[in-house]
Amino acid sequence: MSVHETAPAEHAGTRRRIDVGQFGLAAFLVVVGIYTIVDAAGLEVGFADPVGPRVFPYVIGSGLVVVGVLLAVATARGSQPEPEEGEDVDLSQSADWLTVTKLVAVLLLTVATVNLLGWAISGALLFVGAAWSLGSRTLVRDVLVGLVLAVASWYAFHVGLGIPLTPGVLDGIL
């Protein structure tokens, strides 16, 4: 007795669709990973640091290559992503261009004022403006939260990471 496997009727004669987008993403991940690894090889290494500055880019680059290869293999085997159903989005509504315009204006204001006012003030204005554009109506709370976040991030960058952000008009105070 022999058993013959046959294709189900619904799949007979149909070809699998090649997902070019997934293969493109896989190729992009592999290229970026290889570039990261090659670029890390050119980093200067001091003799006193046992780990060296190359370890992190090597790990990230290798991870990108592995994920890219796994994505290509999964795509070749027929794995398809599920389409977005828009569960939280009413797809019949158009974009809220007023909100988008407000957010762009707030970002442009931040870019224009960060050198003059400094990050602590511009960052607070960014938070307050973004909260206002997205519907918040509690100005006092937004200003307080924005100031705390902006000053805390200024100190985190300046003291914690050693990356100086511009203090602007608060030079000498921060």
Protein backbone atom coordinates (compact mmCIF):
# COMPACT_ATOMS: atom_id res chain seq x y z
CA MET A 1 0.00 0.00 0.00
CA SER A 2 1.40 3.36 -0.93
CA VAL A 3 0.28 6.78 0.13
CA HIS A 4 0.40 9.61 -2.38
CA GLU A 5 0.26 13.20 -1.21
CA THR A 6 -1.78 15.52 -3.34
CA ALA A 7 -2.16 19.24 -3.12
CA PRO A 8 -5.46 20.50 -1.71
CA ALA A 9 -7.93 21.67 -4.30
CA GLU A 10 -7.79 25.32 -3.27
CA HIS A 11 -4.01 25.42 -3.75
CA ALA A 12 -3.83 23.38 -6.94
CA GLY A 13 -2.42 25.38 -9.82
CA THR A 14 -1.85 28.56 -7.82
CA ARG A 15 1.54 30.17 -7.40
CA ARG A 16 2.71 31.76 -4.23
CA ARG A 17 3.04 35.50 -4.41
CA ILE A 18 6.60 36.70 -3.91
CA ASP A 19 6.65 39.45 -1.30
CA VAL A 20 9.21 41.79 -2.79
CA GLY A 21 8.81 44.24 0.09
CA GLN A 22 9.82 41.68 2.68
CA PHE A 23 12.81 40.58 0.60
CA GLY A 24 13.75 44.24 0.17
CA LEU A 25 13.59 44.81 3.92
CA ALA A 26 15.67 41.68 4.52
CA ALA A 27 18.29 42.86 2.03
CA PHE A 28 18.32 46.33 3.61
CA LEU A 29 18.88 44.84 7.07
CA VAL A 30 21.74 42.69 5.82
CA VAL A 31 23.40 45.61 4.00
CA VAL A 32 23.11 47.91 7.04
CA GLY A 33 24.42 45.15 9.30
CA ILE A 34 27.43 44.47 7.08
CA TYR A 35 28.13 48.20 6.78
CA THR A 36 27.98 48.54 10.57
CA ILE A 37 30.43 45.67 11.06
CA VAL A 38 32.85 46.97 8.41
CA ASP A 39 32.65 50.50 9.79
CA ALA A 40 33.29 49.24 13.33
CA ALA A 41 36.50 47.61 12.17
CA GLY A 42 37.92 51.09 11.52
CA LEU A 43 37.38 52.35 15.06
CA GLU A 44 40.45 53.28 17.08
CA VAL A 45 41.01 50.94 20.02
CA GLY A 46 43.00 51.95 23.09
CA PHE A 47 45.10 49.35 24.86
CA ALA A 48 43.63 50.09 28.30
CA ASP A 49 40.05 49.20 27.43
CA PRO A 50 39.60 45.41 27.39
CA VAL A 51 36.21 45.50 25.68
CA GLY A 52 36.85 48.36 23.27
CA PRO A 53 34.49 50.49 21.24
CA ARG A 54 33.96 47.84 18.55
CA VAL A 55 31.90 45.41 20.60
CA PHE A 56 28.59 47.25 20.49
CA PRO A 57 28.61 47.90 16.71
CA TYR A 58 29.69 44.30 16.11
CA VAL A 59 26.76 43.00 18.17
CA ILE A 60 24.26 45.35 16.49
CA GLY A 61 25.60 44.66 12.99
CA SER A 62 25.61 40.90 13.54
CA GLY A 63 22.09 41.08 14.92
CA LEU A 64 20.91 42.99 11.85
CA VAL A 65 22.49 40.43 9.52
CA VAL A 66 20.93 37.52 11.43
CA VAL A 67 17.47 39.14 11.47
CA GLY A 68 17.75 39.97 7.76
CA VAL A 69 18.70 36.40 6.87
CA LEU A 70 15.91 34.98 9.06
CA LEU A 71 13.40 37.33 7.43
CA ALA A 72 14.54 36.26 3.97
CA VAL A 73 14.24 32.57 4.91
CA ALA A 74 10.78 33.08 6.43
CA THR A 75 9.66 35.00 3.34
CA ALA A 76 11.01 32.31 1.01
CA ARG A 77 9.06 29.72 3.00
CA GLY A 78 5.86 31.66 2.43
CA SER A 79 5.47 33.58 5.66
CA GLN A 80 3.20 36.55 5.07
CA PRO A 81 2.50 39.40 7.49
CA GLU A 82 -1.10 39.92 8.50
CA PRO A 83 -2.61 43.08 7.05
CA GLU A 84 -3.46 45.90 9.45
CA GLU A 85 -7.14 45.96 10.27
CA GLY A 86 -7.14 49.45 11.73
CA GLU A 87 -8.78 48.37 14.98
CA ASP A 88 -8.23 51.70 16.73
CA VAL A 89 -8.47 53.90 13.67
CA ASP A 90 -11.56 55.00 11.84
CA LEU A 91 -10.33 54.59 8.28
CA SER A 92 -13.30 56.51 6.90
CA GLN A 93 -12.07 59.74 8.55
CA SER A 94 -9.56 61.96 6.83
CA ALA A 95 -6.33 63.13 8.46
CA ASP A 96 -6.55 65.93 11.00
CA TRP A 97 -4.40 68.42 9.11
CA LEU A 98 -4.93 71.16 11.69
CA THR A 99 -3.25 69.04 14.37
CA VAL A 100 -0.43 68.10 12.00
CA THR A 101 0.08 71.78 11.13
CA LYS A 102 0.17 72.75 14.80
CA LEU A 103 2.76 70.04 15.55
CA VAL A 104 4.94 71.11 12.62
CA ALA A 105 4.73 74.74 13.78
CA VAL A 106 5.75 73.73 17.31
CA LEU A 107 8.73 71.76 15.96
CA LEU A 108 9.80 74.66 13.76
CA LEU A 109 9.49 77.04 16.73
CA THR A 110 11.73 74.73 18.76
CA VAL A 111 14.33 74.57 16.01
CA ALA A 112 14.25 78.35 15.61
CA THR A 113 14.58 79.14 19.32
CA VAL A 114 16.83 76.41 20.74
CA ASN A 115 20.09 78.35 20.19
CA LEU A 116 18.72 81.59 21.59
CA LEU A 117 16.61 80.31 24.48
CA GLY A 118 18.49 77.08 25.15
CA TRP A 119 17.22 73.54 25.44
CA ALA A 120 15.62 73.92 28.87
CA ILE A 121 13.20 76.61 27.69
CA SER A 122 12.76 75.40 24.09
CA GLY A 123 12.24 71.82 25.25
CA ALA A 124 9.57 72.97 27.69
CA LEU A 125 7.89 74.96 24.91
CA LEU A 126 8.07 71.88 22.69
CA PHE A 127 6.30 69.77 25.30
CA VAL A 128 3.66 72.43 26.04
CA GLY A 129 3.02 73.06 22.34
CA ALA A 130 2.78 69.37 21.50
CA ALA A 131 0.42 68.73 24.41
CA TRP A 132 -1.74 71.71 23.37
CA SER A 133 -1.82 70.56 19.72
CA LEU A 134 -2.91 67.10 20.77
CA GLY A 135 -5.77 68.40 22.90
CA SER A 136 -4.51 69.10 26.41
CA ARG A 137 -6.18 72.07 28.07
CA THR A 138 -4.29 72.11 31.40
CA LEU A 139 -1.70 74.79 30.67
CA VAL A 140 -0.19 75.07 34.16
CA ARG A 141 0.39 71.32 34.45
CA ASP A 142 1.81 71.14 30.92
CA VAL A 143 4.25 73.98 31.63
CA LEU A 144 5.42 72.37 34.88
CA VAL A 145 5.84 68.92 33.30
CA GLY A 146 7.58 70.45 30.27
CA LEU A 147 10.03 72.37 32.47
CA VAL A 148 10.82 69.32 34.59
CA LEU A 149 11.36 67.11 31.53
CA ALA A 150 13.44 69.68 29.67
CA VAL A 151 15.70 70.54 32.62
CA ALA A 152 16.06 66.87 33.58
CA SER A 153 17.00 65.92 30.01
CA TRP A 154 19.45 68.86 29.85
CA TYR A 155 21.20 67.61 32.99
CA ALA A 156 21.04 63.98 31.81
CA PHE A 157 22.85 64.89 28.60
CA HIS A 158 25.23 67.45 30.11
CA VAL A 159 26.22 65.69 33.34
CA GLY A 160 25.30 62.07 32.69
CA LEU A 161 26.50 61.67 29.12
CA GLY A 162 28.92 64.58 28.83
CA ILE A 163 27.07 65.97 25.81
CA PRO A 164 26.57 69.70 26.23
CA LEU A 165 23.20 71.04 25.11
CA THR A 166 22.95 74.76 24.65
CA PRO A 167 21.88 76.55 27.85
CA GLY A 168 20.86 79.69 25.94
CA VAL A 169 19.61 82.50 28.18
CA LEU A 170 20.04 80.24 31.22
CA ASP A 171 23.83 80.13 30.76
CA GLY A 172 25.33 80.31 34.23
CA ILE A 173 22.08 79.28 35.91
CA LEU A 174 21.96 75.64 34.83
